[in-house]
N, C-alpha and C. Protein backbone atom coordinates (compact mmCIF):
# COMPACT_ATOMS: atom_id res chain seq x y z
N MET A 1 0.35 135.55 138.32
CA MET A 1 0.46 136.98 138.55
C MET A 1 -0.92 137.58 138.72
N ALA A 2 -1.01 138.59 139.59
CA ALA A 2 -2.29 139.24 139.84
C ALA A 2 -2.49 140.48 138.98
N TYR A 3 -1.50 140.82 138.15
CA TYR A 3 -1.62 142.03 137.36
C TYR A 3 -2.68 141.88 136.26
N LYS A 4 -3.46 142.95 136.06
CA LYS A 4 -4.52 142.94 135.06
C LYS A 4 -4.29 144.06 134.05
N GLU A 5 -4.82 143.83 132.86
CA GLU A 5 -4.82 144.87 131.83
C GLU A 5 -3.45 145.43 131.48
N THR A 6 -2.39 144.65 131.66
CA THR A 6 -1.06 145.20 131.38
C THR A 6 -0.82 145.38 129.88
N ARG A 7 -1.49 144.61 129.06
CA ARG A 7 -1.31 144.78 127.62
C ARG A 7 -1.85 146.13 127.17
N LYS A 8 -2.95 146.54 127.78
CA LYS A 8 -3.51 147.85 127.45
C LYS A 8 -2.68 148.97 128.07
N LYS A 9 -2.09 148.69 129.22
CA LYS A 9 -1.30 149.71 129.91
C LYS A 9 0.00 150.00 129.18
N TYR A 10 0.63 148.96 128.60
CA TYR A 10 1.92 149.13 127.93
C TYR A 10 1.82 148.73 126.46
N PRO A 11 1.04 149.44 125.65
CA PRO A 11 0.91 149.06 124.23
C PRO A 11 2.23 149.21 123.49
N VAL A 12 2.38 148.44 122.44
CA VAL A 12 3.57 148.55 121.59
C VAL A 12 3.46 149.84 120.77
N THR A 13 4.51 150.63 120.79
CA THR A 13 4.55 151.88 120.01
C THR A 13 5.85 151.93 119.23
N LEU A 14 5.85 152.68 118.14
CA LEU A 14 7.08 152.82 117.36
C LEU A 14 8.15 153.53 118.16
N PRO A 15 9.42 153.11 118.03
CA PRO A 15 10.52 153.81 118.69
C PRO A 15 10.63 155.24 118.15
N PRO A 16 11.29 156.13 118.89
CA PRO A 16 11.41 157.53 118.47
C PRO A 16 11.91 157.72 117.04
N GLU A 17 12.94 156.95 116.65
CA GLU A 17 13.49 157.14 115.31
C GLU A 17 12.49 156.74 114.23
N SER A 18 11.67 155.72 114.50
CA SER A 18 10.66 155.31 113.54
C SER A 18 9.51 156.32 113.48
N ARG A 19 9.18 156.91 114.63
CA ARG A 19 8.14 157.94 114.64
C ARG A 19 8.57 159.15 113.83
N GLU A 20 9.86 159.49 113.88
CA GLU A 20 10.36 160.61 113.10
C GLU A 20 10.21 160.32 111.60
N THR A 21 10.50 159.09 111.19
CA THR A 21 10.33 158.72 109.79
C THR A 21 8.86 158.79 109.39
N SER A 22 7.98 158.33 110.28
CA SER A 22 6.55 158.37 110.01
C SER A 22 6.07 159.81 109.83
N GLU A 23 6.64 160.71 110.62
CA GLU A 23 6.26 162.11 110.51
C GLU A 23 6.66 162.66 109.14
N LYS A 24 7.84 162.27 108.66
CA LYS A 24 8.27 162.72 107.34
C LYS A 24 7.36 162.15 106.26
N VAL A 25 6.89 160.92 106.46
CA VAL A 25 5.94 160.32 105.52
C VAL A 25 4.68 161.16 105.47
N ARG A 26 4.22 161.56 106.64
CA ARG A 26 2.99 162.35 106.72
C ARG A 26 3.13 163.69 106.01
N PHE A 27 4.29 164.28 106.06
CA PHE A 27 4.52 165.57 105.44
C PHE A 27 4.91 165.46 103.97
N GLY A 28 4.77 164.26 103.40
CA GLY A 28 4.99 164.09 101.98
C GLY A 28 6.43 164.19 101.54
N MET A 29 7.35 163.77 102.37
CA MET A 29 8.77 163.89 102.04
C MET A 29 9.32 162.63 101.35
N TYR A 30 8.43 161.67 101.02
CA TYR A 30 8.86 160.47 100.31
C TYR A 30 7.95 160.24 99.10
N GLU A 31 8.50 159.59 98.10
CA GLU A 31 7.69 159.20 96.95
C GLU A 31 6.70 158.12 97.40
N ASP A 32 5.64 157.94 96.61
CA ASP A 32 4.57 157.02 97.00
C ASP A 32 5.09 155.61 97.26
N LYS A 33 6.02 155.13 96.42
CA LYS A 33 6.55 153.78 96.60
C LYS A 33 7.31 153.66 97.90
N GLN A 34 8.14 154.68 98.21
CA GLN A 34 8.89 154.68 99.46
C GLN A 34 7.94 154.75 100.65
N ARG A 35 6.95 155.59 100.52
CA ARG A 35 5.97 155.79 101.59
C ARG A 35 5.29 154.47 101.96
N LYS A 36 4.83 153.73 100.94
CA LYS A 36 4.15 152.46 101.19
C LYS A 36 5.09 151.45 101.84
N ALA A 37 6.35 151.44 101.39
CA ALA A 37 7.33 150.51 101.95
C ALA A 37 7.60 150.82 103.42
N ILE A 38 7.73 152.10 103.74
CA ILE A 38 8.00 152.50 105.12
C ILE A 38 6.84 152.13 106.03
N LEU A 39 5.61 152.43 105.59
CA LEU A 39 4.44 152.11 106.40
C LEU A 39 4.29 150.61 106.59
N ALA A 40 4.56 149.85 105.54
CA ALA A 40 4.47 148.39 105.64
C ALA A 40 5.51 147.84 106.62
N ARG A 41 6.73 148.40 106.55
CA ARG A 41 7.79 147.96 107.45
C ARG A 41 7.45 148.28 108.91
N HIS A 42 6.94 149.48 109.14
CA HIS A 42 6.56 149.86 110.50
C HIS A 42 5.43 148.98 111.04
N LYS A 43 4.45 148.71 110.18
CA LYS A 43 3.33 147.88 110.62
C LYS A 43 3.79 146.47 110.97
N GLN A 44 4.68 145.90 110.12
CA GLN A 44 5.18 144.55 110.39
C GLN A 44 6.04 144.52 111.64
N SER A 45 6.82 145.58 111.86
CA SER A 45 7.67 145.64 113.06
C SER A 45 6.82 145.64 114.32
N LYS A 46 5.74 146.41 114.29
CA LYS A 46 4.86 146.47 115.45
C LYS A 46 4.17 145.13 115.68
N LEU A 47 3.79 144.48 114.59
CA LEU A 47 3.14 143.17 114.71
C LEU A 47 4.11 142.16 115.31
N ASN A 48 5.36 142.15 114.83
CA ASN A 48 6.38 141.23 115.36
C ASN A 48 6.63 141.49 116.85
N GLU A 49 6.70 142.77 117.20
CA GLU A 49 6.96 143.14 118.59
C GLU A 49 5.81 142.71 119.48
N SER A 50 4.58 142.90 119.02
CA SER A 50 3.40 142.51 119.80
C SER A 50 3.36 141.01 120.02
N THR A 51 3.71 140.26 118.96
CA THR A 51 3.71 138.80 119.06
C THR A 51 4.75 138.33 120.07
N ASP A 52 5.96 138.88 119.99
CA ASP A 52 7.03 138.50 120.92
C ASP A 52 6.64 138.86 122.36
N ALA A 53 6.01 140.03 122.53
CA ALA A 53 5.63 140.48 123.87
C ALA A 53 4.61 139.54 124.52
N LYS A 54 3.75 138.96 123.71
CA LYS A 54 2.72 138.08 124.25
C LYS A 54 3.20 136.64 124.43
N GLU A 55 4.15 136.21 123.61
CA GLU A 55 4.51 134.79 123.59
C GLU A 55 5.71 134.43 124.47
N LYS A 56 6.72 135.29 124.55
CA LYS A 56 7.91 134.96 125.32
C LYS A 56 7.61 135.05 126.82
N ARG A 57 8.17 134.13 127.60
CA ARG A 57 7.87 134.04 129.02
C ARG A 57 9.10 134.30 129.89
N PHE A 58 8.82 134.88 131.08
CA PHE A 58 9.86 135.20 132.06
C PHE A 58 9.39 134.72 133.43
N LEU A 59 10.33 134.31 134.27
CA LEU A 59 10.01 133.77 135.59
C LEU A 59 9.98 134.89 136.62
N VAL A 60 8.80 135.20 137.11
CA VAL A 60 8.62 136.28 138.08
C VAL A 60 7.90 135.74 139.31
N ALA A 61 8.59 135.77 140.46
CA ALA A 61 7.98 135.31 141.71
C ALA A 61 7.35 133.92 141.59
N GLY A 62 8.04 133.03 140.89
CA GLY A 62 7.58 131.65 140.79
C GLY A 62 6.60 131.38 139.67
N ASP A 63 6.17 132.41 138.93
CA ASP A 63 5.23 132.23 137.83
C ASP A 63 5.87 132.66 136.52
N TYR A 64 5.46 132.00 135.43
CA TYR A 64 5.92 132.40 134.11
C TYR A 64 4.92 133.40 133.53
N VAL A 65 5.42 134.57 133.17
CA VAL A 65 4.55 135.64 132.70
C VAL A 65 5.08 136.18 131.37
N ASP A 66 4.21 136.91 130.65
CA ASP A 66 4.65 137.52 129.40
C ASP A 66 5.35 138.84 129.66
N ARG A 67 5.80 139.49 128.59
CA ARG A 67 6.55 140.74 128.71
C ARG A 67 5.75 141.81 129.46
N TYR A 68 4.46 141.89 129.20
CA TYR A 68 3.65 142.94 129.79
C TYR A 68 3.63 142.86 131.32
N ASP A 69 3.40 141.66 131.84
CA ASP A 69 3.40 141.48 133.29
C ASP A 69 4.79 141.65 133.86
N CYS A 70 5.81 141.25 133.10
CA CYS A 70 7.18 141.42 133.56
C CYS A 70 7.53 142.91 133.67
N MET A 71 7.06 143.71 132.72
CA MET A 71 7.30 145.15 132.79
C MET A 71 6.65 145.75 134.03
N GLU A 72 5.44 145.30 134.35
CA GLU A 72 4.75 145.80 135.53
C GLU A 72 5.52 145.44 136.80
N TYR A 73 6.06 144.24 136.82
CA TYR A 73 6.86 143.79 137.97
C TYR A 73 8.12 144.64 138.13
N LEU A 74 8.81 144.89 137.03
CA LEU A 74 10.04 145.68 137.09
C LEU A 74 9.76 147.10 137.58
N VAL A 75 8.69 147.70 137.10
CA VAL A 75 8.32 149.05 137.54
C VAL A 75 8.07 149.06 139.04
N ALA A 76 7.31 148.07 139.52
CA ALA A 76 6.99 148.00 140.95
C ALA A 76 8.24 147.82 141.80
N MET A 77 9.13 146.93 141.39
CA MET A 77 10.32 146.64 142.18
C MET A 77 11.30 147.80 142.20
N VAL A 78 11.49 148.45 141.05
CA VAL A 78 12.40 149.61 141.00
C VAL A 78 11.84 150.75 141.85
N SER A 79 10.53 150.92 141.82
CA SER A 79 9.88 151.94 142.66
C SER A 79 10.16 151.70 144.14
N GLU A 80 10.28 150.42 144.51
CA GLU A 80 10.51 150.07 145.91
C GLU A 80 11.99 150.11 146.27
N GLY A 81 12.85 150.46 145.31
CA GLY A 81 14.26 150.62 145.63
C GLY A 81 15.19 149.57 145.05
N SER A 82 14.65 148.57 144.34
CA SER A 82 15.51 147.53 143.76
C SER A 82 16.29 148.09 142.57
N ARG A 83 17.50 147.56 142.40
CA ARG A 83 18.29 147.94 141.23
C ARG A 83 17.87 147.09 140.04
N LEU A 84 17.69 147.73 138.91
CA LEU A 84 17.27 147.01 137.71
C LEU A 84 18.30 145.94 137.33
N SER A 85 19.57 146.26 137.48
CA SER A 85 20.62 145.30 137.13
C SER A 85 20.53 144.04 137.99
N ASP A 86 20.17 144.20 139.27
CA ASP A 86 20.01 143.04 140.15
C ASP A 86 18.81 142.19 139.73
N LEU A 87 17.72 142.85 139.38
CA LEU A 87 16.51 142.13 138.95
C LEU A 87 16.79 141.32 137.70
N CYS A 88 17.58 141.89 136.80
CA CYS A 88 17.86 141.22 135.53
C CYS A 88 18.86 140.07 135.67
N LYS A 89 19.50 139.96 136.83
CA LYS A 89 20.42 138.86 137.07
C LYS A 89 19.69 137.59 137.52
N GLU A 90 18.44 137.74 137.92
CA GLU A 90 17.68 136.59 138.40
C GLU A 90 17.43 135.61 137.26
N ASP A 91 17.29 134.32 137.61
CA ASP A 91 17.08 133.28 136.61
C ASP A 91 15.84 133.55 135.77
N GLU A 92 15.99 133.38 134.46
CA GLU A 92 14.90 133.48 133.49
C GLU A 92 14.20 134.84 133.51
N MET A 93 14.96 135.85 133.82
CA MET A 93 14.47 137.23 133.71
C MET A 93 15.10 137.87 132.47
N PRO A 94 14.54 138.96 131.97
CA PRO A 94 15.13 139.60 130.79
C PRO A 94 16.49 140.20 131.11
N THR A 95 17.33 140.32 130.11
CA THR A 95 18.61 140.98 130.30
C THR A 95 18.41 142.49 130.30
N LEU A 96 19.43 143.21 130.73
CA LEU A 96 19.35 144.67 130.69
C LEU A 96 19.15 145.15 129.25
N ARG A 97 19.76 144.48 128.31
CA ARG A 97 19.61 144.85 126.90
C ARG A 97 18.16 144.69 126.45
N GLU A 98 17.52 143.60 126.89
CA GLU A 98 16.12 143.39 126.54
C GLU A 98 15.24 144.49 127.11
N VAL A 99 15.49 144.85 128.37
CA VAL A 99 14.67 145.89 129.01
C VAL A 99 14.87 147.23 128.29
N ALA A 100 16.09 147.51 127.87
CA ALA A 100 16.35 148.73 127.12
C ALA A 100 15.57 148.72 125.80
N HIS A 101 15.48 147.55 125.20
CA HIS A 101 14.70 147.39 123.96
C HIS A 101 13.22 147.65 124.25
N TRP A 102 12.73 147.12 125.34
CA TRP A 102 11.32 147.34 125.71
C TRP A 102 11.04 148.82 125.91
N ARG A 103 11.97 149.52 126.51
CA ARG A 103 11.76 150.94 126.79
C ARG A 103 11.63 151.74 125.50
N LYS A 104 12.24 151.23 124.43
CA LYS A 104 12.11 151.90 123.13
C LYS A 104 10.76 151.60 122.49
N TRP A 105 10.26 150.38 122.67
CA TRP A 105 9.06 149.94 121.97
C TRP A 105 7.77 150.11 122.77
N HIS A 106 7.88 150.51 124.02
CA HIS A 106 6.69 150.74 124.85
C HIS A 106 6.85 152.10 125.52
N ALA A 107 6.30 153.13 124.90
CA ALA A 107 6.48 154.49 125.41
C ALA A 107 5.95 154.64 126.83
N GLU A 108 4.85 153.97 127.14
CA GLU A 108 4.28 154.08 128.49
C GLU A 108 5.16 153.39 129.52
N PHE A 109 5.79 152.28 129.14
CA PHE A 109 6.73 151.61 130.03
C PHE A 109 7.92 152.51 130.32
N GLU A 110 8.41 153.21 129.30
CA GLU A 110 9.52 154.14 129.49
C GLU A 110 9.13 155.23 130.50
N ARG A 111 7.93 155.77 130.36
CA ARG A 111 7.48 156.80 131.31
C ARG A 111 7.36 156.24 132.73
N GLU A 112 6.80 155.05 132.85
CA GLU A 112 6.65 154.43 134.17
C GLU A 112 8.00 154.10 134.80
N MET A 113 8.95 153.66 133.98
CA MET A 113 10.27 153.35 134.51
C MET A 113 10.99 154.61 134.98
N LYS A 114 10.83 155.69 134.26
CA LYS A 114 11.45 156.95 134.69
C LYS A 114 10.87 157.40 136.03
N LEU A 115 9.56 157.23 136.19
CA LEU A 115 8.93 157.57 137.46
C LEU A 115 9.43 156.64 138.57
N ALA A 116 9.54 155.35 138.26
CA ALA A 116 10.05 154.38 139.23
C ALA A 116 11.47 154.71 139.64
N GLU A 117 12.30 155.09 138.68
CA GLU A 117 13.69 155.45 138.97
C GLU A 117 13.76 156.72 139.81
N SER A 118 12.83 157.64 139.56
CA SER A 118 12.76 158.85 140.37
C SER A 118 12.43 158.51 141.82
N CYS A 119 11.51 157.55 142.00
CA CYS A 119 11.17 157.09 143.36
C CYS A 119 12.37 156.44 144.02
N ARG A 120 13.12 155.64 143.26
CA ARG A 120 14.32 155.02 143.81
C ARG A 120 15.34 156.10 144.19
N GLY A 121 15.44 157.14 143.37
CA GLY A 121 16.34 158.24 143.69
C GLY A 121 15.94 158.94 144.97
N LEU A 122 14.64 159.11 145.17
CA LEU A 122 14.15 159.73 146.41
C LEU A 122 14.53 158.88 147.62
N ARG A 123 14.39 157.57 147.47
CA ARG A 123 14.77 156.68 148.57
C ARG A 123 16.26 156.80 148.89
N SER A 124 17.07 156.87 147.85
CA SER A 124 18.52 156.99 148.06
C SER A 124 18.86 158.30 148.73
N GLY A 125 18.21 159.39 148.32
CA GLY A 125 18.45 160.69 148.92
C GLY A 125 18.07 160.71 150.40
N GLU A 126 16.96 160.11 150.71
CA GLU A 126 16.51 160.07 152.11
C GLU A 126 17.42 159.17 152.95
N ARG A 127 17.92 158.10 152.34
CA ARG A 127 18.87 157.24 153.05
C ARG A 127 20.16 158.00 153.36
N ALA A 128 20.59 158.82 152.40
CA ALA A 128 21.81 159.62 152.62
C ALA A 128 21.59 160.61 153.76
N GLU A 129 20.43 161.24 153.80
CA GLU A 129 20.11 162.19 154.87
C GLU A 129 20.11 161.50 156.23
N LYS A 130 19.47 160.33 156.26
CA LYS A 130 19.39 159.59 157.53
C LYS A 130 20.76 159.13 157.98
N LEU A 131 21.58 158.72 157.03
CA LEU A 131 22.94 158.28 157.35
C LEU A 131 23.72 159.41 158.00
N ALA A 132 23.58 160.61 157.45
CA ALA A 132 24.29 161.77 158.00
C ALA A 132 23.75 162.12 159.39
N GLU A 133 22.43 162.04 159.55
CA GLU A 133 21.81 162.39 160.83
C GLU A 133 22.18 161.41 161.94
N ASP A 134 22.30 160.13 161.58
CA ASP A 134 22.54 159.09 162.59
C ASP A 134 24.03 158.85 162.87
N ALA A 135 24.90 159.47 162.09
CA ALA A 135 26.34 159.26 162.27
C ALA A 135 26.81 159.78 163.63
N THR A 136 27.70 159.04 164.27
CA THR A 136 28.23 159.44 165.58
C THR A 136 29.76 159.46 165.52
N ASN A 137 30.35 159.96 166.56
CA ASN A 137 31.81 160.01 166.62
C ASN A 137 32.44 158.63 166.63
N ASP A 138 31.65 157.62 166.98
CA ASP A 138 32.17 156.26 167.04
C ASP A 138 32.23 155.60 165.66
N ASP A 139 31.55 156.19 164.68
CA ASP A 139 31.54 155.61 163.34
C ASP A 139 32.83 155.91 162.60
N ASN A 140 33.12 155.05 161.64
CA ASN A 140 34.27 155.29 160.78
C ASN A 140 33.89 156.39 159.79
N ALA A 141 34.48 157.57 159.94
CA ALA A 141 34.10 158.74 159.14
C ALA A 141 34.29 158.49 157.65
N ALA A 142 35.36 157.79 157.27
CA ALA A 142 35.64 157.55 155.85
C ALA A 142 34.56 156.68 155.21
N ILE A 143 34.12 155.65 155.96
CA ILE A 143 33.08 154.76 155.43
C ILE A 143 31.75 155.48 155.33
N VAL A 144 31.43 156.27 156.37
CA VAL A 144 30.17 157.02 156.35
C VAL A 144 30.16 157.99 155.17
N LYS A 145 31.28 158.66 154.95
CA LYS A 145 31.37 159.62 153.85
C LYS A 145 31.22 158.91 152.51
N LEU A 146 31.85 157.75 152.36
CA LEU A 146 31.78 156.99 151.12
C LEU A 146 30.34 156.58 150.82
N LYS A 147 29.64 156.07 151.85
CA LYS A 147 28.25 155.66 151.66
C LYS A 147 27.36 156.86 151.35
N TYR A 148 27.60 157.96 152.05
CA TYR A 148 26.80 159.16 151.85
C TYR A 148 26.97 159.67 150.42
N GLU A 149 28.20 159.71 149.94
CA GLU A 149 28.45 160.22 148.59
C GLU A 149 27.85 159.30 147.53
N ALA A 150 27.92 157.99 147.76
CA ALA A 150 27.36 157.04 146.80
C ALA A 150 25.84 157.18 146.72
N LEU A 151 25.21 157.28 147.89
CA LEU A 151 23.75 157.45 147.92
C LEU A 151 23.33 158.78 147.31
N SER A 152 24.10 159.82 147.58
CA SER A 152 23.78 161.15 147.05
C SER A 152 23.90 161.19 145.53
N LYS A 153 24.93 160.51 145.01
CA LYS A 153 25.11 160.48 143.56
C LYS A 153 23.97 159.72 142.89
N THR A 154 23.55 158.63 143.50
CA THR A 154 22.43 157.87 142.95
C THR A 154 21.17 158.71 142.96
N ALA A 155 20.95 159.42 144.07
CA ALA A 155 19.77 160.27 144.19
C ALA A 155 19.78 161.36 143.12
N ALA A 156 20.92 161.99 142.91
CA ALA A 156 21.02 163.08 141.93
C ALA A 156 20.86 162.55 140.50
N ARG A 157 21.33 161.34 140.26
CA ARG A 157 21.23 160.77 138.91
C ARG A 157 19.79 160.41 138.55
N LEU A 158 19.03 159.98 139.54
CA LEU A 158 17.69 159.47 139.28
C LEU A 158 16.56 160.44 139.59
N ASN A 159 16.84 161.44 140.41
CA ASN A 159 15.77 162.35 140.84
C ASN A 159 16.25 163.79 140.77
N ALA A 160 15.57 164.59 139.96
CA ALA A 160 15.99 165.98 139.74
C ALA A 160 15.97 166.81 141.01
N ASP A 161 15.16 166.42 142.01
CA ASP A 161 15.08 167.18 143.26
C ASP A 161 16.40 167.17 144.02
N PHE A 162 17.27 166.20 143.72
CA PHE A 162 18.55 166.09 144.42
C PHE A 162 19.72 166.59 143.57
N GLN A 163 19.41 167.18 142.44
CA GLN A 163 20.46 167.73 141.59
C GLN A 163 20.71 169.18 141.96
N GLU A 164 21.94 169.64 141.71
CA GLU A 164 22.25 171.04 141.96
C GLU A 164 21.43 171.90 141.02
N LYS A 165 20.79 172.90 141.59
CA LYS A 165 19.92 173.75 140.80
C LYS A 165 20.73 174.71 139.94
N LYS A 166 20.37 174.78 138.66
CA LYS A 166 21.01 175.71 137.74
C LYS A 166 19.93 176.58 137.11
N ILE A 167 20.18 177.85 137.07
CA ILE A 167 19.22 178.77 136.48
C ILE A 167 19.51 178.87 134.99
N ILE A 168 18.53 178.52 134.19
CA ILE A 168 18.68 178.57 132.75
C ILE A 168 17.68 179.58 132.19
N GLN A 169 18.19 180.56 131.48
CA GLN A 169 17.34 181.58 130.90
C GLN A 169 17.13 181.28 129.42
N THR A 170 15.89 181.37 128.99
CA THR A 170 15.58 181.17 127.58
C THR A 170 14.99 182.45 127.03
N GLU A 171 15.10 182.61 125.74
CA GLU A 171 14.63 183.83 125.11
C GLU A 171 13.75 183.50 123.92
N ASP A 172 12.60 184.12 123.85
CA ASP A 172 11.70 183.94 122.73
C ASP A 172 12.06 184.99 121.67
N ILE A 173 12.73 184.55 120.60
CA ILE A 173 13.21 185.51 119.61
C ILE A 173 12.08 186.15 118.82
N THR A 174 10.89 185.49 118.85
CA THR A 174 9.78 186.08 118.10
C THR A 174 9.37 187.42 118.68
N ASN A 175 9.72 187.66 119.96
CA ASN A 175 9.40 188.96 120.56
C ASN A 175 10.16 190.09 119.88
N LYS A 176 11.29 189.74 119.24
CA LYS A 176 12.11 190.76 118.60
C LYS A 176 11.89 190.81 117.08
N MET A 177 10.95 189.96 116.59
CA MET A 177 10.67 189.93 115.16
C MET A 177 9.41 190.73 114.86
N SER A 178 9.43 191.38 113.72
CA SER A 178 8.23 192.11 113.30
C SER A 178 7.22 191.12 112.73
N TYR A 179 5.99 191.58 112.55
CA TYR A 179 4.96 190.73 111.96
C TYR A 179 5.39 190.25 110.58
N GLU A 180 5.99 191.16 109.80
CA GLU A 180 6.42 190.82 108.45
C GLU A 180 7.50 189.74 108.47
N GLN A 181 8.43 189.83 109.44
CA GLN A 181 9.49 188.83 109.54
C GLN A 181 8.94 187.46 109.89
N ILE A 182 7.98 187.44 110.81
CA ILE A 182 7.36 186.17 111.21
C ILE A 182 6.61 185.58 110.02
N ALA A 183 5.89 186.44 109.27
CA ALA A 183 5.14 185.97 108.11
C ALA A 183 6.06 185.37 107.07
N GLU A 184 7.23 185.99 106.87
CA GLU A 184 8.20 185.47 105.90
C GLU A 184 8.73 184.11 106.33
N GLU A 185 8.97 183.93 107.66
CA GLU A 185 9.43 182.63 108.17
C GLU A 185 8.40 181.55 107.90
N ILE A 186 7.13 181.89 108.13
CA ILE A 186 6.04 180.94 107.90
C ILE A 186 5.94 180.58 106.42
N LYS A 187 6.07 181.58 105.55
CA LYS A 187 6.01 181.33 104.11
C LYS A 187 7.13 180.40 103.68
N ALA A 188 8.32 180.63 104.22
CA ALA A 188 9.47 179.79 103.85
C ALA A 188 9.25 178.34 104.28
N LEU A 189 8.69 178.15 105.46
CA LEU A 189 8.45 176.80 105.95
C LEU A 189 7.39 176.08 105.14
N THR A 190 6.30 176.78 104.82
CA THR A 190 5.23 176.15 104.03
C THR A 190 5.67 175.86 102.60
N LYS A 191 6.63 176.65 102.10
CA LYS A 191 7.17 176.38 100.76
C LYS A 191 8.02 175.13 100.79
N GLN A 192 8.78 174.96 101.87
CA GLN A 192 9.64 173.78 102.00
C GLN A 192 8.83 172.53 102.31
N PHE A 193 7.77 172.72 103.14
CA PHE A 193 6.91 171.60 103.53
C PHE A 193 5.46 171.95 103.22
N PRO A 194 4.99 171.71 102.00
CA PRO A 194 3.64 172.09 101.58
C PRO A 194 2.54 171.53 102.48
N ALA A 195 2.79 170.35 103.05
CA ALA A 195 1.75 169.74 103.88
C ALA A 195 1.44 170.56 105.12
N LEU A 196 2.32 171.49 105.49
CA LEU A 196 2.06 172.34 106.66
C LEU A 196 0.82 173.20 106.47
N LYS A 197 0.44 173.44 105.21
CA LYS A 197 -0.73 174.27 104.95
C LYS A 197 -2.00 173.64 105.50
N THR A 198 -1.99 172.32 105.55
CA THR A 198 -3.16 171.62 106.09
C THR A 198 -2.74 170.79 107.30
N PHE A 199 -1.87 171.39 108.10
CA PHE A 199 -1.28 170.68 109.23
C PHE A 199 -2.34 170.22 110.23
N THR A 200 -2.21 168.96 110.64
CA THR A 200 -3.05 168.44 111.71
C THR A 200 -2.15 167.75 112.70
N ASP A 201 -2.68 167.42 113.88
CA ASP A 201 -1.87 166.76 114.89
C ASP A 201 -1.30 165.47 114.34
N PHE A 202 -0.02 165.24 114.64
CA PHE A 202 0.67 164.06 114.13
C PHE A 202 0.20 162.78 114.79
N THR A 203 -0.09 161.80 113.95
CA THR A 203 -0.33 160.45 114.45
C THR A 203 0.73 159.58 113.80
N GLU A 204 0.78 158.30 114.13
CA GLU A 204 1.87 157.47 113.64
C GLU A 204 1.66 157.11 112.18
N ALA A 205 1.56 158.12 111.36
CA ALA A 205 1.52 157.98 109.92
C ALA A 205 0.75 156.77 109.42
N GLU A 206 -0.50 156.70 109.78
CA GLU A 206 -1.42 155.67 109.32
C GLU A 206 -1.01 154.28 109.78
N VAL A 207 0.06 154.26 110.63
CA VAL A 207 0.53 152.95 111.04
C VAL A 207 -0.35 152.46 112.16
N VAL A 208 -0.87 151.33 112.05
CA VAL A 208 -1.66 150.61 113.00
C VAL A 208 -2.52 151.35 113.96
N GLU A 209 -3.65 151.10 113.88
CA GLU A 209 -4.50 151.37 115.00
C GLU A 209 -5.24 150.09 115.13
N GLY A 210 -5.06 149.41 116.23
CA GLY A 210 -5.74 148.15 116.39
C GLY A 210 -4.93 146.97 115.92
N ASP A 211 -3.59 147.11 115.86
CA ASP A 211 -2.74 145.96 115.51
C ASP A 211 -2.81 144.89 116.58
N GLU A 212 -2.94 145.38 117.85
CA GLU A 212 -2.93 144.43 118.96
C GLU A 212 -4.35 144.02 119.30
N GLU A 213 -4.46 142.81 119.76
CA GLU A 213 -5.77 142.35 120.19
C GLU A 213 -6.03 142.83 121.59
C-alpha cells in the first residue's frame, strides 16, 4: 500500500458513550475508587484497540494491510461511489459489523466516512439528473422511473443537499430571562456540579495521551 501516516490520521479514540463517562469522572461524579477503575478500564480498552488495529490484517488490492490502511482504502472507494456493503463482501476484508466498530473507535474515520458517503450521495444525485435528462420516448418509462427514484433516495440519504428543505426555527430562551433568573440557573448548576466553578475544556478524563506509538 502507498498510504502513509494513516495511524496518525485515524488515532484510536474512546467511543461516545465512554467519553460521556469520562466527562462525569472529570466533574467528580464518582468516588475515587470508581474513578480509578473507570480510567484504568478506558486506558486498557484503548490499548487493546490500538494493538488490534496494528496487528490484524486485511487483503486490499493484493496486499495485506492493517486496519489503518484499510480504513483509508474504504474512505477512498466510498468517495468514488462504491457501496460499503460490496467492499465488505470481498475476500479477507472486514465485515460491516467490524467497520461499524471502527467508526465508534476512530472519530476521524467516522468523519471521513461521512464525507465519503456525502460524495457518494452527490454522485447518485447527479446520476439521477442525467438519467432524467437522457430519457427518451423509446425508453421503458417504468424502469427509468424506478432507477431515478432509487438514485434519488440514495442521494437524499447520504447528502443533505438532496434532501427536502425544512425550515426549523429555534428560540434562545435566555433572551426572555432576566439577569437574576440566569444567575439563579447558574447557581443551581454549580451547586449540583461543583467542578463547574473551575470548568476547563473537556479532555478524555486523563485517559491516555500517547498510548499509541
